[in-house]
Amino acid sequence: MAGSLNKVLLIGRLGADPEIKQMVNGKSVARLSLATSQSWKDKNSGEKKEKTEWHRIVVFNEGLVNVVQQYLKKGAQIYVEGQLSTRKWKDEQTGQDKYSTEIVIQGYNSSLTMLGSSNSGGISNNNQSSNNEEISQVSNEMDDDIPF
């Protein structure tokens, strides 16, 4: 359909170490649990409130999966660009249809960048960038003041 756009941009922290799985075709996939938060002051009580949203991130790019596995850990702050996708499957125990909405990082219009004061560098699937140059920029030091 012409004139449509499916693009998700998120900055958040990993709530768990990445999960790396092998697909039936032999390629690897990385699954990330990303937390984004917003905070505000309650007008009535003056109390600070916070709401956290959890996002499922799925990385299909083989080079990116390797970097995720090597450098990302629980609490790491990342920036992701991807596409929203909803999968449907049948629960084997109940026979009911189940759905999962995920942000998919795959192809040329997706990226993942490590953020934080001691982390620099980013890994993306843009054809203007070289994965080898970006991988060499990645630091495996994580922030010490992680709230998780």
N, C-alpha and C. Protein backbone atom coordinates (compact mmCIF):
# COMPACT_ATOMS: atom_id res chain seq x y z
N MET A 1 0.84 -1.17 0.00
CA MET A 1 0.00 0.00 0.00
C MET A 1 0.89 1.23 0.00
N ALA A 2 0.72 2.09 -0.96
CA ALA A 2 1.50 3.31 -1.04
C ALA A 2 1.06 4.27 0.06
N GLY A 3 2.03 5.03 0.58
CA GLY A 3 1.71 6.03 1.58
C GLY A 3 1.57 5.49 2.99
N SER A 4 2.10 4.31 3.27
CA SER A 4 2.03 3.79 4.64
C SER A 4 3.45 3.69 5.20
N LEU A 5 3.53 3.65 6.52
CA LEU A 5 4.82 3.58 7.20
C LEU A 5 4.68 2.73 8.46
N ASN A 6 5.59 1.81 8.66
CA ASN A 6 5.63 0.98 9.86
C ASN A 6 7.03 1.12 10.44
N LYS A 7 7.21 2.06 11.37
CA LYS A 7 8.52 2.36 11.94
C LYS A 7 8.36 2.61 13.43
N VAL A 8 9.18 1.94 14.24
CA VAL A 8 9.16 2.10 15.69
C VAL A 8 10.53 2.56 16.13
N LEU A 9 10.58 3.59 16.97
CA LEU A 9 11.82 4.10 17.54
C LEU A 9 11.70 4.04 19.05
N LEU A 10 12.63 3.36 19.72
CA LEU A 10 12.58 3.23 21.17
C LEU A 10 13.95 3.43 21.79
N ILE A 11 13.97 4.04 22.97
CA ILE A 11 15.17 4.10 23.80
C ILE A 11 14.76 3.54 25.15
N GLY A 12 15.49 2.55 25.62
CA GLY A 12 15.16 1.96 26.91
C GLY A 12 16.29 1.08 27.42
N ARG A 13 15.98 0.35 28.48
CA ARG A 13 16.97 -0.54 29.09
C ARG A 13 16.48 -1.98 29.02
N LEU A 14 17.43 -2.89 28.86
CA LEU A 14 17.10 -4.32 28.81
C LEU A 14 16.71 -4.80 30.21
N GLY A 15 15.59 -5.52 30.28
CA GLY A 15 15.13 -6.05 31.54
C GLY A 15 15.70 -7.42 31.86
N ALA A 16 16.39 -8.01 30.91
CA ALA A 16 17.01 -9.33 31.09
C ALA A 16 18.14 -9.47 30.06
N ASP A 17 19.00 -10.44 30.29
CA ASP A 17 20.02 -10.73 29.28
C ASP A 17 19.33 -11.18 28.00
N PRO A 18 19.92 -10.87 26.84
CA PRO A 18 19.33 -11.31 25.57
C PRO A 18 19.19 -12.83 25.51
N GLU A 19 18.16 -13.28 24.84
CA GLU A 19 17.92 -14.71 24.64
C GLU A 19 18.25 -15.01 23.17
N ILE A 20 19.21 -15.90 22.96
CA ILE A 20 19.64 -16.27 21.61
C ILE A 20 19.12 -17.67 21.32
N LYS A 21 18.42 -17.81 20.20
CA LYS A 21 17.88 -19.12 19.82
C LYS A 21 18.28 -19.45 18.40
N GLN A 22 18.32 -20.73 18.11
CA GLN A 22 18.60 -21.23 16.77
C GLN A 22 17.27 -21.52 16.08
N MET A 23 17.08 -20.98 14.88
CA MET A 23 15.86 -21.25 14.11
C MET A 23 16.03 -22.55 13.33
N VAL A 24 14.93 -23.08 12.79
CA VAL A 24 14.99 -24.34 12.05
C VAL A 24 15.87 -24.23 10.81
N ASN A 25 16.03 -23.03 10.25
CA ASN A 25 16.87 -22.86 9.06
C ASN A 25 18.35 -22.74 9.43
N GLY A 26 18.68 -22.86 10.73
CA GLY A 26 20.07 -22.82 11.16
C GLY A 26 20.57 -21.45 11.56
N LYS A 27 19.83 -20.40 11.25
CA LYS A 27 20.25 -19.05 11.61
C LYS A 27 19.83 -18.75 13.04
N SER A 28 20.51 -17.78 13.64
CA SER A 28 20.22 -17.39 15.01
C SER A 28 19.29 -16.18 15.04
N VAL A 29 18.53 -16.08 16.13
CA VAL A 29 17.65 -14.94 16.38
C VAL A 29 17.87 -14.51 17.83
N ALA A 30 17.84 -13.20 18.06
CA ALA A 30 17.98 -12.67 19.42
C ALA A 30 16.65 -12.06 19.84
N ARG A 31 16.26 -12.33 21.08
CA ARG A 31 15.05 -11.76 21.65
C ARG A 31 15.46 -10.91 22.85
N LEU A 32 14.95 -9.68 22.86
CA LEU A 32 15.26 -8.73 23.92
C LEU A 32 13.98 -8.25 24.57
N SER A 33 14.06 -7.98 25.86
CA SER A 33 12.95 -7.39 26.60
C SER A 33 13.38 -5.98 26.98
N LEU A 34 12.73 -4.97 26.38
CA LEU A 34 13.13 -3.58 26.54
C LEU A 34 12.10 -2.80 27.34
N ALA A 35 12.55 -2.10 28.36
CA ALA A 35 11.67 -1.28 29.19
C ALA A 35 11.81 0.18 28.80
N THR A 36 10.68 0.85 28.59
CA THR A 36 10.65 2.29 28.43
C THR A 36 9.75 2.84 29.53
N SER A 37 10.11 3.99 30.08
CA SER A 37 9.35 4.55 31.19
C SER A 37 9.01 6.01 30.94
N GLN A 38 7.90 6.43 31.50
CA GLN A 38 7.56 7.84 31.51
C GLN A 38 7.17 8.19 32.93
N SER A 39 7.52 9.39 33.34
CA SER A 39 7.17 9.81 34.70
C SER A 39 6.47 11.16 34.65
N TRP A 40 5.66 11.41 35.67
CA TRP A 40 4.92 12.65 35.77
C TRP A 40 4.59 12.90 37.23
N LYS A 41 4.16 14.12 37.48
CA LYS A 41 3.76 14.50 38.84
C LYS A 41 2.24 14.51 38.89
N ASP A 42 1.66 13.78 39.84
CA ASP A 42 0.21 13.74 40.02
C ASP A 42 -0.28 15.13 40.42
N LYS A 43 -1.26 15.66 39.68
CA LYS A 43 -1.76 17.02 39.93
C LYS A 43 -2.44 17.14 41.28
N ASN A 44 -3.13 16.10 41.74
CA ASN A 44 -3.85 16.16 43.01
C ASN A 44 -2.95 15.98 44.22
N SER A 45 -2.09 14.97 44.18
CA SER A 45 -1.28 14.65 45.36
C SER A 45 0.13 15.24 45.30
N GLY A 46 0.58 15.63 44.11
CA GLY A 46 1.95 16.12 43.96
C GLY A 46 2.98 15.01 43.95
N GLU A 47 2.48 13.77 44.05
CA GLU A 47 3.34 12.59 44.09
C GLU A 47 3.90 12.29 42.69
N LYS A 48 5.16 11.87 42.65
CA LYS A 48 5.78 11.48 41.38
C LYS A 48 5.28 10.09 41.00
N LYS A 49 4.80 9.94 39.78
CA LYS A 49 4.30 8.66 39.27
C LYS A 49 5.18 8.22 38.11
N GLU A 50 5.21 6.92 37.89
CA GLU A 50 5.98 6.38 36.77
C GLU A 50 5.25 5.19 36.18
N LYS A 51 5.30 5.08 34.86
CA LYS A 51 4.71 3.94 34.17
C LYS A 51 5.77 3.35 33.25
N THR A 52 5.93 2.03 33.35
CA THR A 52 6.91 1.33 32.52
C THR A 52 6.17 0.45 31.51
N GLU A 53 6.58 0.55 30.26
CA GLU A 53 6.07 -0.32 29.19
C GLU A 53 7.17 -1.30 28.83
N TRP A 54 6.79 -2.55 28.58
CA TRP A 54 7.75 -3.57 28.16
C TRP A 54 7.52 -3.90 26.69
N HIS A 55 8.62 -3.97 25.94
CA HIS A 55 8.56 -4.22 24.50
C HIS A 55 9.39 -5.46 24.17
N ARG A 56 8.85 -6.29 23.29
CA ARG A 56 9.59 -7.45 22.79
C ARG A 56 10.32 -7.02 21.53
N ILE A 57 11.64 -7.20 21.54
CA ILE A 57 12.47 -6.86 20.39
C ILE A 57 13.01 -8.17 19.83
N VAL A 58 12.91 -8.35 18.51
CA VAL A 58 13.42 -9.56 17.86
C VAL A 58 14.43 -9.13 16.79
N VAL A 59 15.65 -9.67 16.88
CA VAL A 59 16.72 -9.33 15.95
C VAL A 59 17.00 -10.54 15.08
N PHE A 60 16.82 -10.38 13.75
CA PHE A 60 17.05 -11.47 12.81
C PHE A 60 18.38 -11.36 12.08
N ASN A 61 18.96 -10.16 12.00
CA ASN A 61 20.21 -9.97 11.28
C ASN A 61 21.33 -10.73 11.96
N GLU A 62 21.97 -11.67 11.26
CA GLU A 62 22.97 -12.57 11.84
C GLU A 62 24.14 -11.82 12.49
N GLY A 63 24.68 -10.81 11.82
CA GLY A 63 25.78 -10.04 12.40
C GLY A 63 25.36 -9.31 13.66
N LEU A 64 24.18 -8.77 13.65
CA LEU A 64 23.64 -8.06 14.81
C LEU A 64 23.38 -9.01 15.97
N VAL A 65 22.91 -10.21 15.68
CA VAL A 65 22.67 -11.21 16.72
C VAL A 65 23.98 -11.52 17.44
N ASN A 66 25.07 -11.66 16.70
CA ASN A 66 26.37 -11.95 17.31
C ASN A 66 26.81 -10.81 18.23
N VAL A 67 26.61 -9.57 17.81
CA VAL A 67 26.97 -8.42 18.63
C VAL A 67 26.10 -8.35 19.88
N VAL A 68 24.79 -8.59 19.71
CA VAL A 68 23.87 -8.60 20.85
C VAL A 68 24.33 -9.64 21.87
N GLN A 69 24.64 -10.83 21.39
CA GLN A 69 25.07 -11.91 22.27
C GLN A 69 26.35 -11.56 23.01
N GLN A 70 27.27 -10.91 22.34
CA GLN A 70 28.58 -10.63 22.92
C GLN A 70 28.58 -9.42 23.85
N TYR A 71 27.81 -8.36 23.54
CA TYR A 71 27.96 -7.11 24.25
C TYR A 71 26.78 -6.66 25.09
N LEU A 72 25.57 -7.15 24.85
CA LEU A 72 24.42 -6.65 25.60
C LEU A 72 24.10 -7.54 26.79
N LYS A 73 23.80 -6.90 27.90
CA LYS A 73 23.43 -7.59 29.13
C LYS A 73 22.25 -6.84 29.75
N LYS A 74 21.64 -7.47 30.73
CA LYS A 74 20.54 -6.85 31.47
C LYS A 74 20.97 -5.46 31.96
N GLY A 75 20.09 -4.48 31.77
CA GLY A 75 20.36 -3.12 32.21
C GLY A 75 20.99 -2.23 31.15
N ALA A 76 21.49 -2.80 30.05
CA ALA A 76 22.10 -2.00 28.99
C ALA A 76 21.06 -1.07 28.38
N GLN A 77 21.46 0.17 28.12
CA GLN A 77 20.57 1.13 27.47
C GLN A 77 20.82 1.07 25.97
N ILE A 78 19.74 0.93 25.19
CA ILE A 78 19.86 0.84 23.73
C ILE A 78 18.81 1.71 23.04
N TYR A 79 19.11 2.03 21.80
CA TYR A 79 18.18 2.71 20.90
C TYR A 79 17.91 1.74 19.76
N VAL A 80 16.65 1.49 19.47
CA VAL A 80 16.30 0.58 18.37
C VAL A 80 15.37 1.26 17.38
N GLU A 81 15.55 0.93 16.13
CA GLU A 81 14.63 1.30 15.05
C GLU A 81 14.22 0.00 14.38
N GLY A 82 12.92 -0.22 14.27
CA GLY A 82 12.46 -1.44 13.64
C GLY A 82 11.02 -1.30 13.18
N GLN A 83 10.41 -2.43 12.89
CA GLN A 83 9.03 -2.48 12.42
C GLN A 83 8.18 -3.24 13.41
N LEU A 84 6.94 -2.78 13.60
CA LEU A 84 6.00 -3.46 14.45
C LEU A 84 5.41 -4.65 13.70
N SER A 85 5.39 -5.80 14.35
CA SER A 85 4.88 -7.02 13.72
C SER A 85 4.13 -7.85 14.76
N THR A 86 2.98 -8.40 14.37
CA THR A 86 2.21 -9.26 15.27
C THR A 86 2.21 -10.67 14.71
N ARG A 87 2.66 -11.63 15.53
CA ARG A 87 2.67 -13.04 15.16
C ARG A 87 1.46 -13.73 15.77
N LYS A 88 1.01 -14.77 15.09
CA LYS A 88 -0.08 -15.59 15.60
C LYS A 88 0.39 -17.04 15.63
N TRP A 89 0.07 -17.74 16.72
CA TRP A 89 0.38 -19.16 16.81
C TRP A 89 -0.67 -19.84 17.66
N LYS A 90 -0.68 -21.15 17.60
CA LYS A 90 -1.65 -21.92 18.36
C LYS A 90 -0.98 -22.52 19.60
N ASP A 91 -1.59 -22.26 20.77
CA ASP A 91 -1.11 -22.83 22.02
C ASP A 91 -1.35 -24.33 21.99
N GLU A 92 -0.28 -25.12 22.14
CA GLU A 92 -0.39 -26.57 22.03
C GLU A 92 -1.22 -27.18 23.15
N GLN A 93 -1.20 -26.57 24.33
CA GLN A 93 -1.94 -27.13 25.46
C GLN A 93 -3.43 -26.83 25.38
N THR A 94 -3.78 -25.60 25.02
CA THR A 94 -5.20 -25.21 25.03
C THR A 94 -5.83 -25.23 23.64
N GLY A 95 -5.00 -25.19 22.60
CA GLY A 95 -5.52 -25.13 21.24
C GLY A 95 -5.99 -23.75 20.84
N GLN A 96 -5.82 -22.77 21.72
CA GLN A 96 -6.27 -21.40 21.44
C GLN A 96 -5.22 -20.65 20.63
N ASP A 97 -5.70 -19.71 19.81
CA ASP A 97 -4.80 -18.83 19.08
C ASP A 97 -4.19 -17.83 20.05
N LYS A 98 -2.89 -17.61 19.92
CA LYS A 98 -2.16 -16.64 20.73
C LYS A 98 -1.51 -15.63 19.80
N TYR A 99 -1.31 -14.42 20.32
CA TYR A 99 -0.72 -13.35 19.53
C TYR A 99 0.43 -12.72 20.30
N SER A 100 1.44 -12.26 19.59
CA SER A 100 2.56 -11.56 20.19
C SER A 100 2.94 -10.40 19.27
N THR A 101 2.97 -9.20 19.83
CA THR A 101 3.38 -8.02 19.06
C THR A 101 4.83 -7.71 19.42
N GLU A 102 5.66 -7.57 18.39
CA GLU A 102 7.10 -7.40 18.56
C GLU A 102 7.62 -6.29 17.67
N ILE A 103 8.76 -5.75 18.04
CA ILE A 103 9.49 -4.82 17.19
C ILE A 103 10.58 -5.66 16.53
N VAL A 104 10.53 -5.76 15.21
CA VAL A 104 11.44 -6.61 14.45
C VAL A 104 12.58 -5.76 13.89
N ILE A 105 13.81 -6.21 14.14
CA ILE A 105 15.00 -5.57 13.58
C ILE A 105 15.54 -6.50 12.52
N GLN A 106 15.31 -6.11 11.27
CA GLN A 106 15.67 -6.95 10.13
C GLN A 106 15.71 -6.07 8.90
N GLY A 107 16.65 -6.32 8.03
CA GLY A 107 16.69 -5.57 6.77
C GLY A 107 17.42 -4.25 6.90
N TYR A 108 17.30 -3.42 5.87
CA TYR A 108 18.08 -2.19 5.76
C TYR A 108 17.51 -1.01 6.52
N ASN A 109 16.26 -1.07 6.92
CA ASN A 109 15.64 0.07 7.60
C ASN A 109 15.59 -0.11 9.10
N SER A 110 16.43 -0.95 9.67
CA SER A 110 16.43 -1.22 11.10
C SER A 110 17.81 -0.94 11.66
N SER A 111 17.86 -0.64 12.97
CA SER A 111 19.16 -0.44 13.61
C SER A 111 19.05 -0.68 15.10
N LEU A 112 20.19 -0.91 15.72
CA LEU A 112 20.31 -1.05 17.16
C LEU A 112 21.58 -0.32 17.55
N THR A 113 21.47 0.62 18.49
CA THR A 113 22.62 1.40 18.93
C THR A 113 22.74 1.28 20.44
N MET A 114 23.94 0.97 20.92
CA MET A 114 24.20 0.92 22.35
C MET A 114 24.39 2.34 22.86
N LEU A 115 23.74 2.68 23.97
CA LEU A 115 23.82 4.02 24.55
C LEU A 115 24.44 3.94 25.94
N GLY A 116 24.60 5.08 26.57
CA GLY A 116 25.12 5.12 27.94
C GLY A 116 26.46 5.82 27.96
N SER A 117 26.84 6.30 29.14
CA SER A 117 28.05 7.10 29.27
C SER A 117 29.32 6.32 28.94
N SER A 118 29.35 5.04 29.27
CA SER A 118 30.57 4.27 29.00
C SER A 118 30.45 3.41 27.75
N ASN A 119 29.29 3.45 27.11
CA ASN A 119 29.10 2.69 25.87
C ASN A 119 29.12 3.64 24.70
N SER A 120 29.80 3.25 23.65
CA SER A 120 29.75 4.05 22.44
C SER A 120 29.69 3.10 21.26
N GLY A 121 29.20 3.62 20.18
CA GLY A 121 29.13 2.79 18.98
C GLY A 121 27.73 2.30 18.75
N GLY A 122 27.48 1.93 17.55
CA GLY A 122 26.17 1.43 17.20
C GLY A 122 26.28 0.42 16.10
N ILE A 123 25.29 -0.40 15.99
CA ILE A 123 25.26 -1.41 14.95
C ILE A 123 23.96 -1.19 14.20
N SER A 124 24.05 -1.06 12.90
CA SER A 124 22.83 -0.84 12.13
C SER A 124 22.87 -1.65 10.86
N ASN A 125 21.72 -1.72 10.22
CA ASN A 125 21.60 -2.44 8.96
C ASN A 125 21.51 -1.47 7.79
N ASN A 126 21.89 -0.20 8.01
CA ASN A 126 21.85 0.76 6.91
C ASN A 126 22.99 0.47 5.95
N ASN A 127 22.73 0.57 4.64
CA ASN A 127 23.78 0.23 3.69
C ASN A 127 24.89 1.27 3.66
N GLN A 128 24.75 2.43 4.34
CA GLN A 128 25.83 3.40 4.38
C GLN A 128 26.89 3.01 5.41
N SER A 129 26.59 2.09 6.30
CA SER A 129 27.52 1.79 7.39
C SER A 129 28.16 0.43 7.21
N SER A 130 29.33 0.29 7.79
CA SER A 130 30.05 -0.98 7.74
C SER A 130 29.97 -1.64 9.10
N ASN A 131 29.44 -2.84 9.17
CA ASN A 131 29.31 -3.53 10.46
C ASN A 131 30.65 -3.74 11.13
N ASN A 132 31.71 -4.01 10.35
CA ASN A 132 33.01 -4.25 10.96
C ASN A 132 33.52 -3.02 11.68
N GLU A 133 33.35 -1.83 11.09
CA GLU A 133 33.78 -0.60 11.75
C GLU A 133 32.97 -0.37 13.02
N GLU A 134 31.67 -0.60 12.95
CA GLU A 134 30.81 -0.35 14.10
C GLU A 134 31.06 -1.36 15.21
N ILE A 135 31.29 -2.60 14.87
CA ILE A 135 31.55 -3.63 15.88
C ILE A 135 32.80 -3.27 16.66
N SER A 136 33.82 -2.72 15.98
CA SER A 136 35.05 -2.38 16.68
C SER A 136 34.85 -1.22 17.65
N GLN A 137 33.79 -0.42 17.49
CA GLN A 137 33.52 0.70 18.38
C GLN A 137 32.81 0.28 19.66
N VAL A 138 32.23 -0.91 19.68
CA VAL A 138 31.40 -1.33 20.80
C VAL A 138 32.26 -1.61 22.03
N SER A 139 31.84 -1.09 23.16
CA SER A 139 32.51 -1.35 24.43
C SER A 139 31.62 -2.22 25.29
N ASN A 140 32.19 -3.19 25.99
CA ASN A 140 31.35 -4.07 26.79
C ASN A 140 31.20 -3.60 28.23
N GLU A 141 31.67 -2.38 28.55
CA GLU A 141 31.45 -1.84 29.88
C GLU A 141 30.01 -1.35 29.99
N MET A 142 29.36 -1.64 31.10
CA MET A 142 27.98 -1.23 31.31
C MET A 142 27.94 -0.21 32.45
N ASP A 143 26.91 0.63 32.47
CA ASP A 143 26.74 1.61 33.54
C ASP A 143 26.62 0.91 34.88
N ASP A 144 27.22 1.51 35.91
CA ASP A 144 27.15 0.94 37.25
C ASP A 144 25.87 1.30 37.98
N ASP A 145 25.17 2.35 37.54
CA ASP A 145 23.98 2.81 38.24
C ASP A 145 22.69 2.33 37.58
N ILE A 146 22.65 1.06 37.22
CA ILE A 146 21.50 0.48 36.53
C ILE A 146 20.40 0.20 37.54
N PRO A 147 19.17 0.65 37.24
CA PRO A 147 18.08 0.49 38.22
C PRO A 147 17.45 -0.89 38.26
N PHE A 148 17.92 -1.84 37.51
CA PHE A 148 17.30 -3.16 37.47
C PHE A 148 17.99 -4.10 38.43
